[in-house]
């Protein structure tokens, strides 16, 4: 109780006031919620009521249709994020037109100007600017994706644990939280021992499961973070695949389940991850295209990403899938040459400029401590390489103790022996966990959304001889700024066709410190040598 009061005080100091400010009132970009009392009970509302939609009309006359959802018994709700200040009106529509509690219900509410300081409310919901490779707030401010993978966090955590975790992620510069929203391969039940749904072919929703999850999603946004829920975990492996609804549910039921969650959390500040760890091309490609269109084919709240299985992406195959906003990929958890070359020389690096412009993000690079072999340096390597292999949009961090929400003495479900895994509350303080926060803050001091990969500027690529010495380089179109990642101490040699003069700085990704870079100029070229035996970021800014 004391912790909850303290959180309320902190949020008040931050200026959070995004939910209700009075009866039938809400702040712009906040969450409006309306409860409806059905005149009758249904055996299985997911099927017995084929449509429950509320049409909202904005102060300027724009109409938005929002799906409502069943919340147990005769309780139905709709959640909506208003984007205009003024009086909104609404009317409900139900497939059961004889149900006066759900059909033809009229009303209105007031939307007041946003006065909070959290960017997700003050600047407006995230959008994908047309022709851009990055995300932005509605006011046009670029949004840098720095997510943490807490797959089990929202399902297993206590309220105090979840608040501790979210406060730490905010303090460390993270901007989004990736988590799973149903039972899945890594978590068969939630903290109360319940599942999100039962059955296959004709599923039944468990509203009590989702009511507990509601509070966790609320808290993500209340801390100023974007919620990135995985709707359908989908890895088709022999161990645990019976817990992957995106794999084993029939296509129609997968769509129904995902649409239910989109209705439930569509009033939040979200980026949907439709599938988790799935195989979205070849054998399963048409299935996932059908699911994507079935869930997001019409107007829907939020942006949509996919999270593929290890060392895969869906760039070319999904180029014409208009429901997909973010091209996610997973480089997996390895320091082998094949993995490193796949990040630096693989399909993302080669094809990004041949596809429709979308943010391209590695949603699962090396997890710190996974298999007791991935160090903070390995995390930094994979993250910086991924960030600069395509136009910069963001990166995701993960630790082998955070994603399963491991506590001392617990085992990770369906993932082998868990002995020696650092508990989640210690893992958030691991060096790589903190250093990805350094990365996010450093990048956001630069015009990162204007950078484009420019491997052609390198006069020598050390990675062609020693794969883990690969240097990544990006620049702005006007050559005013160049950024490069050097994974070991070495000399970077760049062409300088305009013979420009730059102010050079080294960023130490371990200590979060800057130092002056000595630039040696030649005719149409320049070079610099990193200052110590570790990885460094070179930042060049035109004088």
Protein backbone atom coordinates (compact mmCIF):
# COMPACT_ATOMS: atom_id res chain seq x y z
CA UNK A 1 0.00 0.00 0.00
CA UNK A 2 2.79 2.41 0.89
CA UNK A 3 4.58 1.57 -2.34
CA UNK A 4 1.43 2.31 -4.35
CA UNK A 5 1.02 5.68 -2.61
CA UNK A 6 4.64 6.50 -3.34
CA UNK A 7 4.12 5.65 -7.01
CA UNK A 8 1.06 7.92 -7.13
CA UNK A 9 3.15 10.76 -5.69
CA UNK A 10 5.96 10.16 -8.20
CA UNK A 11 3.56 10.11 -11.13
CA UNK A 12 1.96 13.32 -9.91
CA UNK A 13 5.37 14.96 -9.75
CA UNK A 14 6.10 13.77 -13.29
CA UNK A 15 2.88 15.40 -14.45
CA UNK A 16 1.09 12.19 -15.34
CA UNK A 17 -2.61 12.81 -15.82
CA UNK A 18 -3.44 10.76 -18.87
CA UNK A 19 -6.34 8.66 -17.72
CA UNK A 20 -9.56 10.11 -16.31
CA UNK A 21 -9.60 13.63 -14.84
CA UNK A 22 -13.33 13.56 -14.02
CA UNK A 23 -16.40 11.48 -14.80
CA UNK A 24 -16.70 11.10 -18.59
CA UNK A 25 -13.53 13.14 -19.17
CA UNK A 26 -10.00 12.30 -20.30
CA UNK A 27 -6.80 14.03 -21.34
CA UNK A 28 -5.72 14.06 -24.99
CA UNK A 29 -3.69 10.92 -25.80
CA UNK A 30 -4.92 9.39 -22.56
CA UNK A 31 -7.22 6.39 -22.27
CA UNK A 32 -10.99 6.75 -22.27
CA UNK A 33 -12.88 3.72 -20.97
CA UNK A 34 -16.62 3.11 -21.11
CA UNK A 35 -18.38 0.18 -19.44
CA UNK A 36 -21.49 -1.38 -20.98
CA UNK A 37 -23.91 -3.68 -19.15
CA UNK A 38 -25.29 -6.39 -21.42
CA UNK A 39 -28.99 -7.21 -21.15
CA UNK A 40 -28.18 -10.90 -21.32
CA UNK A 41 -25.47 -13.45 -20.60
CA UNK A 42 -23.79 -15.42 -23.37
CA UNK A 43 -22.34 -18.91 -23.20
CA UNK A 44 -19.22 -17.92 -25.14
CA UNK A 45 -19.26 -14.18 -25.91
CA UNK A 46 -16.27 -14.41 -28.25
CA UNK A 47 -18.47 -16.33 -30.71
CA UNK A 48 -22.01 -15.48 -29.65
CA UNK A 49 -21.43 -11.75 -30.24
CA UNK A 50 -19.68 -11.48 -33.58
CA UNK A 51 -19.43 -7.69 -33.41
CA UNK A 52 -19.40 -5.12 -30.66
CA UNK A 53 -18.12 -1.81 -32.02
CA UNK A 54 -18.28 1.72 -30.71
CA UNK A 55 -18.11 4.53 -33.26
CA UNK A 56 -16.53 7.67 -31.84
CA UNK A 57 -16.97 11.03 -33.56
CA UNK A 58 -14.32 13.67 -32.91
CA UNK A 59 -14.94 17.37 -32.29
CA UNK A 60 -14.05 18.02 -35.95
CA UNK A 61 -16.36 15.29 -37.23
CA UNK A 62 -13.91 12.42 -37.86
CA UNK A 63 -15.32 8.97 -37.18
CA UNK A 64 -13.28 6.21 -35.50
CA UNK A 65 -14.61 2.69 -35.08
CA UNK A 66 -13.20 0.87 -32.04
CA UNK A 67 -13.84 -2.75 -31.10
CA UNK A 68 -15.13 -3.37 -27.59
CA UNK A 69 -14.49 -6.49 -25.54
CA UNK A 70 -16.15 -8.79 -23.02
CA UNK A 71 -14.80 -8.52 -19.47
CA UNK A 72 -16.73 -11.28 -17.69
CA UNK A 73 -20.36 -11.85 -16.80
CA UNK A 74 -22.48 -9.12 -18.42
CA UNK A 75 -19.64 -6.60 -18.33
CA UNK A 76 -18.43 -5.22 -21.67
CA UNK A 77 -16.00 -2.34 -22.23
CA UNK A 78 -14.40 -0.17 -24.85
CA UNK A 79 -11.05 1.61 -24.51
CA UNK A 80 -10.05 4.44 -26.77
CA UNK A 81 -7.24 7.00 -27.09
CA UNK A 82 -8.67 10.39 -28.21
CA UNK A 83 -6.42 12.56 -30.35
CA UNK A 84 -8.51 15.77 -30.37
CA UNK A 85 -9.45 18.19 -27.62
CA UNK A 86 -13.17 18.89 -27.20
CA UNK A 87 -16.44 16.98 -27.05
CA UNK A 88 -16.48 13.45 -28.46
CA UNK A 89 -19.71 11.55 -29.07
CA UNK A 90 -20.20 7.82 -29.53
CA UNK A 91 -22.77 5.19 -30.39
CA UNK A 92 -22.43 1.43 -29.91
CA UNK A 93 -23.28 -1.25 -32.46
CA UNK A 94 -23.77 -4.91 -31.63
CA UNK A 95 -24.47 -7.90 -33.82
CA UNK A 96 -27.21 -8.81 -31.33
CA UNK A 97 -29.42 -5.81 -32.05
CA UNK A 98 -31.97 -6.94 -29.48
CA UNK A 99 -29.45 -6.38 -26.70
CA UNK A 100 -30.20 -2.81 -25.64
CA UNK A 101 -27.29 -2.78 -23.23
CA UNK A 102 -24.80 -3.20 -26.08
CA UNK A 103 -26.58 -1.89 -29.18
CA UNK A 104 -27.49 1.71 -29.86
CA UNK A 105 -26.04 3.14 -26.65
CA UNK A 106 -25.21 6.83 -27.14
CA UNK A 107 -23.00 9.09 -25.10
CA UNK A 108 -20.30 11.73 -25.03
CA UNK A 109 -17.19 12.71 -23.13
CA UNK A 110 -14.86 15.68 -22.88
CA UNK A 111 -11.24 15.51 -23.94
CA UNK A 112 -9.08 18.11 -22.20
CA UNK A 113 -5.65 19.34 -23.32
CA UNK A 114 -2.73 17.20 -22.19
CA UNK A 115 -0.77 18.81 -19.34
CA UNK A 116 1.59 15.99 -18.42
CA UNK A 117 5.31 15.92 -19.06
CA UNK A 118 5.65 12.30 -20.16
CA UNK A 119 6.51 12.31 -23.85
CA UNK A 120 4.09 9.51 -24.77
CA UNK A 121 1.25 11.86 -23.78
CA UNK A 122 2.70 15.34 -24.29
CA UNK A 123 3.85 14.53 -27.86
CA UNK A 124 1.11 12.12 -28.89
CA UNK A 125 0.87 8.47 -29.87
CA UNK A 126 3.59 6.87 -31.99
CA UNK A 127 3.31 6.93 -35.77
CA UNK A 128 5.38 5.68 -38.70
CA UNK A 129 6.11 8.78 -40.80
CA UNK A 130 5.57 8.15 -44.48
CA UNK A 131 8.83 7.35 -46.25
CA UNK A 132 10.78 7.21 -42.97
CA UNK A 133 12.88 4.49 -41.38
CA UNK A 134 12.15 5.57 -37.82
CA UNK A 135 9.19 5.99 -35.49
CA UNK A 136 7.97 9.36 -34.26
CA UNK A 137 5.53 10.89 -31.85
CA UNK A 138 2.42 12.43 -33.38
CA UNK A 139 3.98 15.92 -33.15
CA UNK A 140 6.84 14.75 -35.42
CA UNK A 141 9.52 14.29 -32.74
CA UNK A 142 11.59 11.19 -33.61
CA UNK A 143 11.18 8.27 -31.18
CA UNK A 144 14.21 6.04 -30.51
CA UNK A 145 13.26 2.45 -29.73
CA UNK A 146 15.30 1.19 -26.77
CA UNK A 147 13.37 -1.80 -25.47
CA UNK A 148 13.98 -4.38 -22.78
CA UNK A 149 12.77 -7.96 -23.20
CA UNK A 150 10.66 -8.85 -20.17
CA UNK A 151 8.74 -11.66 -21.79
CA UNK A 152 7.46 -13.13 -18.50
CA UNK A 153 7.58 -9.94 -16.48
CA UNK A 154 3.95 -8.87 -16.82
CA UNK A 155 2.75 -12.44 -16.15
CA UNK A 156 4.88 -13.44 -13.14
CA UNK A 157 5.85 -10.24 -11.33
CA UNK A 158 4.34 -8.91 -8.15
CA UNK A 159 3.24 -5.27 -8.24
CA UNK A 160 6.29 -4.20 -6.26
CA UNK A 161 8.64 -6.17 -8.53
CA UNK A 162 7.08 -4.69 -11.67
CA UNK A 163 7.36 -1.13 -10.35
CA UNK A 164 10.99 -1.72 -9.33
CA UNK A 165 11.77 -3.02 -12.81
CA UNK A 166 10.00 -0.20 -14.65
CA UNK A 167 11.59 2.49 -12.50
CA UNK A 168 15.01 1.00 -13.25
CA UNK A 169 14.37 0.86 -17.00
CA UNK A 170 13.28 4.52 -17.02
CA UNK A 171 16.33 5.52 -15.01
CA UNK A 172 18.54 3.66 -17.49
CA UNK A 173 17.12 5.36 -20.59
CA UNK A 174 14.86 2.62 -21.97
CA UNK A 175 11.76 3.64 -23.90
CA UNK A 176 9.77 0.41 -24.46
CA UNK A 177 9.02 -2.93 -22.79
CA UNK A 178 8.48 -6.16 -24.75
CA UNK A 179 6.34 -8.75 -22.94
CA UNK A 180 4.08 -11.72 -23.62
CA UNK A 181 0.31 -11.54 -23.03
CA UNK A 182 -0.81 -15.19 -22.86
CA UNK A 183 0.56 -18.50 -21.64
CA UNK A 184 3.49 -19.42 -23.85
CA UNK A 185 6.52 -21.68 -24.15
CA UNK A 186 8.36 -19.87 -21.34
CA UNK A 187 5.43 -19.46 -18.92
CA UNK A 188 2.49 -21.87 -18.71
CA UNK A 189 0.42 -19.90 -16.15
CA UNK A 190 0.44 -16.41 -14.64
CA UNK A 191 1.14 -15.47 -11.01
CA UNK A 192 -2.34 -16.65 -9.98
CA UNK A 193 -1.93 -19.98 -11.74
CA UNK A 194 -4.36 -19.07 -14.51
CA UNK A 195 -4.19 -19.00 -18.32
CA UNK A 196 -5.43 -16.38 -20.79
CA UNK A 197 -7.69 -18.80 -22.66
CA UNK A 198 -8.52 -22.47 -22.94
CA UNK A 199 -9.30 -24.72 -25.85
CA UNK A 200 -8.36 -24.88 -29.50
CA UNK A 201 -10.87 -24.62 -32.32
CA UNK A 202 -13.37 -22.93 -30.01
CA UNK A 203 -11.43 -21.06 -27.35
CA UNK A 204 -12.73 -19.49 -24.15
CA UNK A 205 -11.32 -16.22 -22.84
CA UNK A 206 -10.43 -15.92 -19.14
CA UNK A 207 -11.18 -12.29 -18.19
CA UNK A 208 -9.62 -12.58 -14.71
CA UNK A 209 -6.25 -13.31 -16.33
CA UNK A 210 -6.49 -10.18 -18.42
CA UNK A 211 -7.72 -8.01 -15.55
CA UNK A 212 -4.46 -8.77 -13.73
CA UNK A 213 -2.52 -8.04 -16.90
CA UNK A 214 -4.39 -4.73 -17.33
CA UNK A 215 -2.69 -3.27 -14.28
CA UNK A 216 0.78 -4.25 -15.53
CA UNK A 217 0.16 -2.64 -18.93
CA UNK A 218 -1.19 0.48 -17.19
CA UNK A 219 2.02 0.75 -15.21
CA UNK A 220 4.22 0.49 -18.30
CA UNK A 221 2.54 3.60 -19.72
CA UNK A 222 2.40 5.33 -16.34
CA UNK A 223 6.20 5.21 -16.32
CA UNK A 224 6.34 6.86 -19.74
CA UNK A 225 7.26 3.65 -21.57
CA UNK A 226 5.72 2.17 -24.70
CA UNK A 227 4.07 -1.21 -24.13
CA UNK A 228 5.08 -3.81 -26.74
CA UNK A 229 2.92 -6.88 -26.10
CA UNK A 230 3.46 -10.11 -28.02
CA UNK A 231 -0.03 -11.29 -28.94
CA UNK A 232 0.68 -14.78 -30.32
CA UNK A 233 3.83 -16.66 -29.38
CA UNK A 234 4.53 -18.88 -32.35
CA UNK A 235 7.72 -20.96 -32.14
CA UNK A 236 7.02 -24.39 -33.71
CA UNK A 237 9.52 -26.49 -31.74
CA UNK A 238 9.01 -29.91 -30.21
CA UNK A 239 9.43 -28.71 -26.61
CA UNK A 240 6.71 -26.32 -25.54
CA UNK A 241 4.97 -25.82 -28.87
CA UNK A 242 1.67 -26.78 -27.19
CA UNK A 243 2.06 -23.42 -25.40
CA UNK A 244 2.56 -21.38 -28.58
CA UNK A 245 -0.92 -20.15 -29.58
CA UNK A 246 0.37 -18.57 -32.77
CA UNK A 247 1.48 -22.03 -33.85
CA UNK A 248 -1.19 -24.46 -32.69
CA UNK A 249 -4.42 -22.43 -32.79
CA UNK A 250 -6.42 -22.64 -36.01
CA UNK A 251 -6.03 -19.49 -38.07
CA UNK A 252 -9.51 -18.12 -37.27
CA UNK A 253 -9.04 -18.64 -33.52
CA UNK A 254 -5.60 -17.00 -33.59
CA UNK A 255 -7.23 -13.97 -35.21
CA UNK A 256 -10.05 -13.90 -32.64
CA UNK A 257 -7.62 -14.10 -29.72
CA UNK A 258 -5.35 -11.37 -31.10
CA UNK A 259 -8.30 -9.10 -31.92
CA UNK A 260 -9.56 -9.48 -28.36
CA UNK A 261 -6.23 -8.26 -26.97
CA UNK A 262 -6.04 -5.40 -29.48
CA UNK A 263 -9.49 -4.30 -28.33
CA UNK A 264 -8.48 -4.61 -24.69
CA UNK A 265 -5.23 -2.64 -24.92
CA UNK A 266 -5.93 -0.39 -27.90
CA UNK A 267 -6.46 2.61 -25.64
CA UNK A 268 -2.91 2.30 -24.30
CA UNK A 269 0.30 3.59 -25.85
CA UNK A 270 1.33 0.39 -27.61
CA UNK A 271 3.31 -1.17 -30.41
CA UNK A 272 1.87 -4.60 -31.15
CA UNK A 273 4.20 -7.55 -31.74
CA UNK A 274 1.83 -9.85 -33.60
CA UNK A 275 3.88 -13.05 -33.39
CA UNK A 276 6.75 -14.13 -31.18
CA UNK A 277 9.68 -16.27 -32.33
CA UNK A 278 7.71 -17.55 -35.31
CA UNK A 279 8.58 -18.74 -38.78
CA UNK A 280 6.79 -16.26 -41.01
CA UNK A 281 8.02 -17.24 -44.46
CA UNK A 282 7.76 -20.30 -46.70
CA UNK A 283 5.61 -22.97 -44.99
CA UNK A 284 3.82 -20.57 -42.62
CA UNK A 285 3.95 -17.42 -44.73
CA UNK A 286 0.37 -17.30 -45.99
CA UNK A 287 -0.98 -18.19 -42.56
CA UNK A 288 0.74 -15.19 -40.99
CA UNK A 289 -0.23 -12.85 -43.79
CA UNK A 290 -3.84 -13.92 -43.27
CA UNK A 291 -3.56 -13.42 -39.51
CA UNK A 292 -1.98 -9.99 -39.98
CA UNK A 293 -4.75 -8.87 -42.30
CA UNK A 294 -7.42 -10.45 -40.10
CA UNK A 295 -6.24 -8.63 -36.99
CA UNK A 296 -4.99 -5.34 -38.44
CA UNK A 297 -6.45 -5.15 -41.94
CA UNK A 298 -8.95 -2.45 -41.00
CA UNK A 299 -8.33 0.70 -39.01
CA UNK A 300 -6.61 -0.27 -35.76
CA UNK A 301 -4.87 1.47 -32.88
CA UNK A 302 -1.11 1.33 -32.51
CA UNK A 303 1.71 0.20 -34.78
CA UNK A 304 2.53 -3.42 -35.69
CA UNK A 305 5.79 -5.39 -35.66
CA UNK A 306 6.74 -9.02 -36.11
CA UNK A 307 9.32 -10.91 -34.02
CA UNK A 308 10.79 -13.78 -36.07
CA UNK A 309 12.74 -16.78 -34.85
CA UNK A 310 16.53 -16.75 -34.61
CA UNK A 311 18.58 -15.42 -37.51
CA UNK A 312 15.61 -14.57 -39.68
CA UNK A 313 13.71 -11.56 -40.96
CA UNK A 314 10.72 -10.87 -43.19
CA UNK A 315 11.85 -7.97 -45.35
CA UNK A 316 11.22 -8.95 -48.96
CA UNK A 317 8.37 -11.38 -48.33
CA UNK A 318 6.29 -8.80 -46.43
CA UNK A 319 7.14 -5.74 -48.49
CA UNK A 320 3.52 -5.33 -49.61
CA UNK A 321 1.87 -6.16 -46.27
CA UNK A 322 0.48 -2.74 -45.38
CA UNK A 323 -0.53 -3.76 -41.85
CA UNK A 324 3.15 -4.23 -40.94
CA UNK A 325 4.80 -1.04 -39.66
CA UNK A 326 8.10 -2.32 -38.21
CA UNK A 327 10.32 -4.95 -39.81
CA UNK A 328 11.63 -6.79 -36.79
CA UNK A 329 14.37 -9.39 -36.92
CA UNK A 330 16.25 -11.58 -34.47
CA UNK A 331 19.97 -12.13 -34.79
CA UNK A 332 19.84 -14.71 -31.97
CA UNK A 333 22.43 -15.48 -29.29
CA UNK A 334 25.82 -16.31 -30.71
CA UNK A 335 29.24 -14.81 -31.30
CA UNK A 336 30.04 -17.17 -34.16
CA UNK A 337 31.13 -15.81 -37.51
CA UNK A 338 27.89 -16.86 -39.16
CA UNK A 339 25.82 -14.75 -36.78
CA UNK A 340 28.12 -11.72 -36.89
CA UNK A 341 28.33 -11.83 -40.68
CA UNK A 342 24.53 -12.19 -40.86
CA UNK A 343 24.10 -8.94 -38.91
CA UNK A 344 26.74 -6.97 -40.80
CA UNK A 345 26.59 -8.47 -44.29
CA UNK A 346 23.26 -10.24 -44.37
CA UNK A 347 19.82 -9.47 -45.82
CA UNK A 348 19.04 -6.42 -43.64
CA UNK A 349 22.27 -4.66 -44.61
CA UNK A 350 21.88 -5.59 -48.27
CA UNK A 351 18.15 -5.08 -48.82
CA UNK A 352 16.99 -2.21 -46.61
CA UNK A 353 17.18 0.37 -49.41
CA UNK A 354 15.40 -1.89 -51.90
CA UNK A 355 12.21 -2.17 -49.83
CA UNK A 356 9.41 0.22 -48.85
CA UNK A 357 10.67 2.47 -46.06
CA UNK A 358 9.94 1.01 -42.62
CA UNK A 359 11.83 0.98 -39.31
CA UNK A 360 14.09 -2.07 -39.15
CA UNK A 361 14.92 -3.21 -35.61
CA UNK A 362 16.77 -6.16 -34.11
CA UNK A 363 14.17 -7.16 -31.51
CA UNK A 364 16.35 -9.89 -30.02
CA UNK A 365 20.13 -9.67 -30.27
CA UNK A 366 22.52 -11.38 -27.83
CA UNK A 367 20.96 -11.93 -24.40
CA UNK A 368 23.44 -11.12 -21.64
CA UNK A 369 24.57 -14.27 -19.79
CA UNK A 370 22.56 -16.64 -21.99
CA UNK A 371 24.24 -20.04 -21.90
CA UNK A 372 26.76 -18.41 -19.52
CA UNK A 373 28.70 -17.25 -22.56
CA UNK A 374 27.38 -13.86 -23.68
CA UNK A 375 29.21 -10.96 -22.02
CA UNK A 376 28.42 -7.26 -21.88
CA UNK A 377 30.92 -6.76 -24.71
CA UNK A 378 29.06 -9.30 -26.84
CA UNK A 379 25.81 -7.46 -26.11
CA UNK A 380 27.37 -4.13 -27.14
CA UNK A 381 28.86 -5.62 -30.30
CA UNK A 382 25.59 -7.11 -31.53
CA UNK A 383 23.61 -3.99 -30.58
CA UNK A 384 25.85 -1.39 -32.22
CA UNK A 385 26.37 -3.50 -35.32
CA UNK A 386 22.60 -4.00 -35.64
CA UNK A 387 21.91 -0.33 -35.06
CA UNK A 388 24.19 0.78 -37.91
CA UNK A 389 23.52 -2.04 -40.38
CA UNK A 390 20.32 -0.26 -41.48
CA UNK A 391 18.95 3.26 -40.97
CA UNK A 392 18.88 3.80 -37.22
CA UNK A 393 15.52 3.08 -35.58
CA UNK A 394 16.35 1.35 -32.31
CA UNK A 395 17.54 -1.74 -30.48
CA UNK A 396 16.30 -4.22 -27.88
CA UNK A 397 18.19 -5.53 -24.85
CA UNK A 398 17.69 -8.86 -23.13
CA UNK A 399 19.22 -10.79 -20.23
CA UNK A 400 18.88 -14.48 -19.48
CA UNK A 401 17.53 -13.69 -16.03
CA UNK A 402 15.12 -10.89 -16.98
CA UNK A 403 13.08 -12.43 -19.80
CA UNK A 404 11.93 -15.47 -17.73
CA UNK A 405 11.64 -13.30 -14.58
CA UNK A 406 13.84 -15.76 -12.74
CA UNK A 407 13.94 -15.70 -8.95
CA UNK A 408 16.48 -17.68 -6.87
CA UNK A 409 15.80 -21.40 -7.06
CA UNK A 410 13.46 -21.23 -10.07
CA UNK A 411 13.82 -23.04 -13.39
CA UNK A 412 13.16 -21.55 -16.84
CA UNK A 413 10.28 -23.47 -18.41
CA UNK A 414 11.23 -25.50 -21.50
CA UNK A 415 14.71 -23.98 -21.69
CA UNK A 416 16.98 -26.55 -20.07
CA UNK A 417 19.00 -26.26 -16.86
CA UNK A 418 18.66 -22.82 -15.24
CA UNK A 419 21.39 -23.18 -12.61
CA UNK A 420 23.61 -20.14 -12.30
CA UNK A 421 21.18 -17.73 -14.02
CA UNK A 422 21.35 -14.31 -12.38
CA UNK A 423 17.93 -13.35 -10.92
CA UNK A 424 15.97 -10.63 -12.70
CA UNK A 425 16.51 -8.04 -9.95
CA UNK A 426 20.29 -8.41 -10.28
CA UNK A 427 20.24 -8.75 -14.06
CA UNK A 428 18.81 -5.24 -14.50
CA UNK A 429 22.13 -4.02 -13.07
CA UNK A 430 24.35 -6.17 -15.31
CA UNK A 431 26.96 -4.13 -17.24
CA UNK A 432 25.33 -4.68 -20.63
CA UNK A 433 21.93 -3.75 -19.27
CA UNK A 434 23.26 -0.39 -18.12
CA UNK A 435 25.42 0.13 -21.21
CA UNK A 436 22.50 -0.19 -23.61
CA UNK A 437 21.00 2.72 -21.72
CA UNK A 438 24.23 4.61 -22.39
CA UNK A 439 23.82 3.78 -26.07
CA UNK A 440 20.27 5.16 -26.12
CA UNK A 441 21.20 8.42 -24.45
CA UNK A 442 24.27 8.95 -26.63
CA UNK A 443 22.37 8.31 -29.86
CA UNK A 444 19.65 10.75 -28.90
CA UNK A 445 22.14 13.61 -28.68
CA UNK A 446 22.70 13.17 -32.43
CA UNK A 447 20.48 13.53 -35.54
CA UNK A 448 20.18 9.76 -35.50
CA UNK A 449 17.05 9.57 -37.70
CA UNK A 450 19.04 11.15 -40.55
CA UNK A 451 21.87 8.60 -40.56
CA UNK A 452 22.14 6.07 -43.36
CA UNK A 453 24.66 3.18 -43.60
CA UNK A 454 27.66 4.14 -45.75
CA UNK A 455 30.04 1.17 -45.89
CA UNK A 456 31.41 2.63 -49.12
CA UNK A 457 33.11 5.38 -47.09
CA UNK A 458 35.47 2.82 -45.55
CA UNK A 459 38.77 2.60 -47.39
CA UNK A 460 39.55 -0.62 -45.53
CA UNK A 461 37.11 -3.01 -43.85
CA UNK A 462 38.94 -4.97 -41.12
CA UNK A 463 35.89 -7.23 -40.85
CA UNK A 464 36.72 -8.75 -44.22
CA UNK A 465 39.83 -10.29 -42.65
CA UNK A 466 38.71 -10.82 -39.04
CA UNK A 467 34.93 -11.08 -38.83
CA UNK A 468 34.56 -9.65 -35.30
CA UNK A 469 36.65 -6.59 -36.19
CA UNK A 470 33.89 -5.31 -38.47
CA UNK A 471 33.55 -1.51 -38.51
CA UNK A 472 30.05 -0.09 -39.04
CA UNK A 473 29.66 3.41 -40.49
CA UNK A 474 26.69 5.71 -41.10
CA UNK A 475 26.36 9.35 -42.15
CA UNK A 476 23.80 12.05 -42.81
CA UNK A 477 23.03 12.75 -46.46
CA UNK A 478 24.73 16.17 -46.27
CA UNK A 479 27.91 14.63 -44.81
CA UNK A 480 27.56 16.93 -41.78
CA UNK A 481 27.79 14.02 -39.34
CA UNK A 482 29.38 10.57 -39.43
CA UNK A 483 29.15 7.85 -36.80
CA UNK A 484 31.21 4.65 -36.69
CA UNK A 485 31.48 1.69 -34.35
CA UNK A 486 34.89 0.12 -33.84
CA UNK A 487 34.56 -3.19 -31.92
CA UNK A 488 38.29 -3.40 -31.05
CA UNK A 489 41.18 -0.95 -30.89
CA UNK A 490 42.00 -0.17 -34.50
CA UNK A 491 42.39 2.57 -37.07
CA UNK A 492 39.43 3.64 -39.14
CA UNK A 493 40.20 4.97 -42.63
CA UNK A 494 37.43 6.89 -44.38
CA UNK A 495 37.09 8.60 -47.71
CA UNK A 496 36.43 12.34 -47.42
CA UNK A 497 35.45 13.33 -50.98
CA UNK A 498 34.57 16.93 -50.07
CA UNK A 499 37.69 17.40 -47.93
CA UNK A 500 35.52 18.50 -45.00
CA UNK A 501 36.87 19.26 -41.54
CA UNK A 502 35.20 17.58 -38.59
CA UNK A 503 35.16 17.85 -34.83
CA UNK A 504 35.89 14.31 -33.67
CA UNK A 505 34.80 12.66 -30.43
CA UNK A 506 35.20 9.16 -29.06
CA UNK A 507 32.32 7.78 -27.05
CA UNK A 508 33.27 5.10 -24.52
CA UNK A 509 30.28 2.71 -24.46
CA UNK A 510 31.55 1.04 -21.28
CA UNK A 511 32.06 4.13 -19.11
CA UNK A 512 29.62 6.50 -20.84
CA UNK A 513 32.38 9.06 -21.36
CA UNK A 514 33.53 11.25 -24.25
CA UNK A 515 37.05 12.19 -25.30
CA UNK A 516 38.53 14.17 -28.16
CA UNK A 517 39.40 12.22 -31.30
CA UNK A 518 42.55 13.19 -33.18
CA UNK A 519 41.72 13.22 -36.88
CA UNK A 520 44.51 12.80 -39.43
CA UNK A 521 43.60 14.28 -42.82
CA UNK A 522 44.90 13.43 -46.26
CA UNK A 523 43.71 14.20 -49.75
CA UNK A 524 40.06 13.10 -49.91
CA UNK A 525 40.52 10.91 -46.84
CA UNK A 526 40.80 10.92 -43.07
CA UNK A 527 41.64 8.44 -40.34
CA UNK A 528 41.54 8.05 -36.57
CA UNK A 529 42.76 5.42 -34.11
CA UNK A 530 40.61 4.39 -31.15
CA UNK A 531 42.16 5.27 -27.79
CA UNK A 532 42.09 1.99 -25.81
CA UNK A 533 41.80 -1.79 -26.03
CA UNK A 534 38.04 -2.03 -26.23
CA UNK A 535 35.16 -0.96 -28.47
CA UNK A 536 34.53 2.74 -29.15
CA UNK A 537 32.11 4.91 -31.11
CA UNK A 538 33.56 7.64 -33.32
CA UNK A 539 31.39 10.71 -33.81
CA UNK A 540 32.36 13.22 -36.51
CA UNK A 541 30.55 16.55 -36.72
CA UNK A 542 31.28 19.06 -39.44
CA UNK A 543 33.04 22.18 -38.23
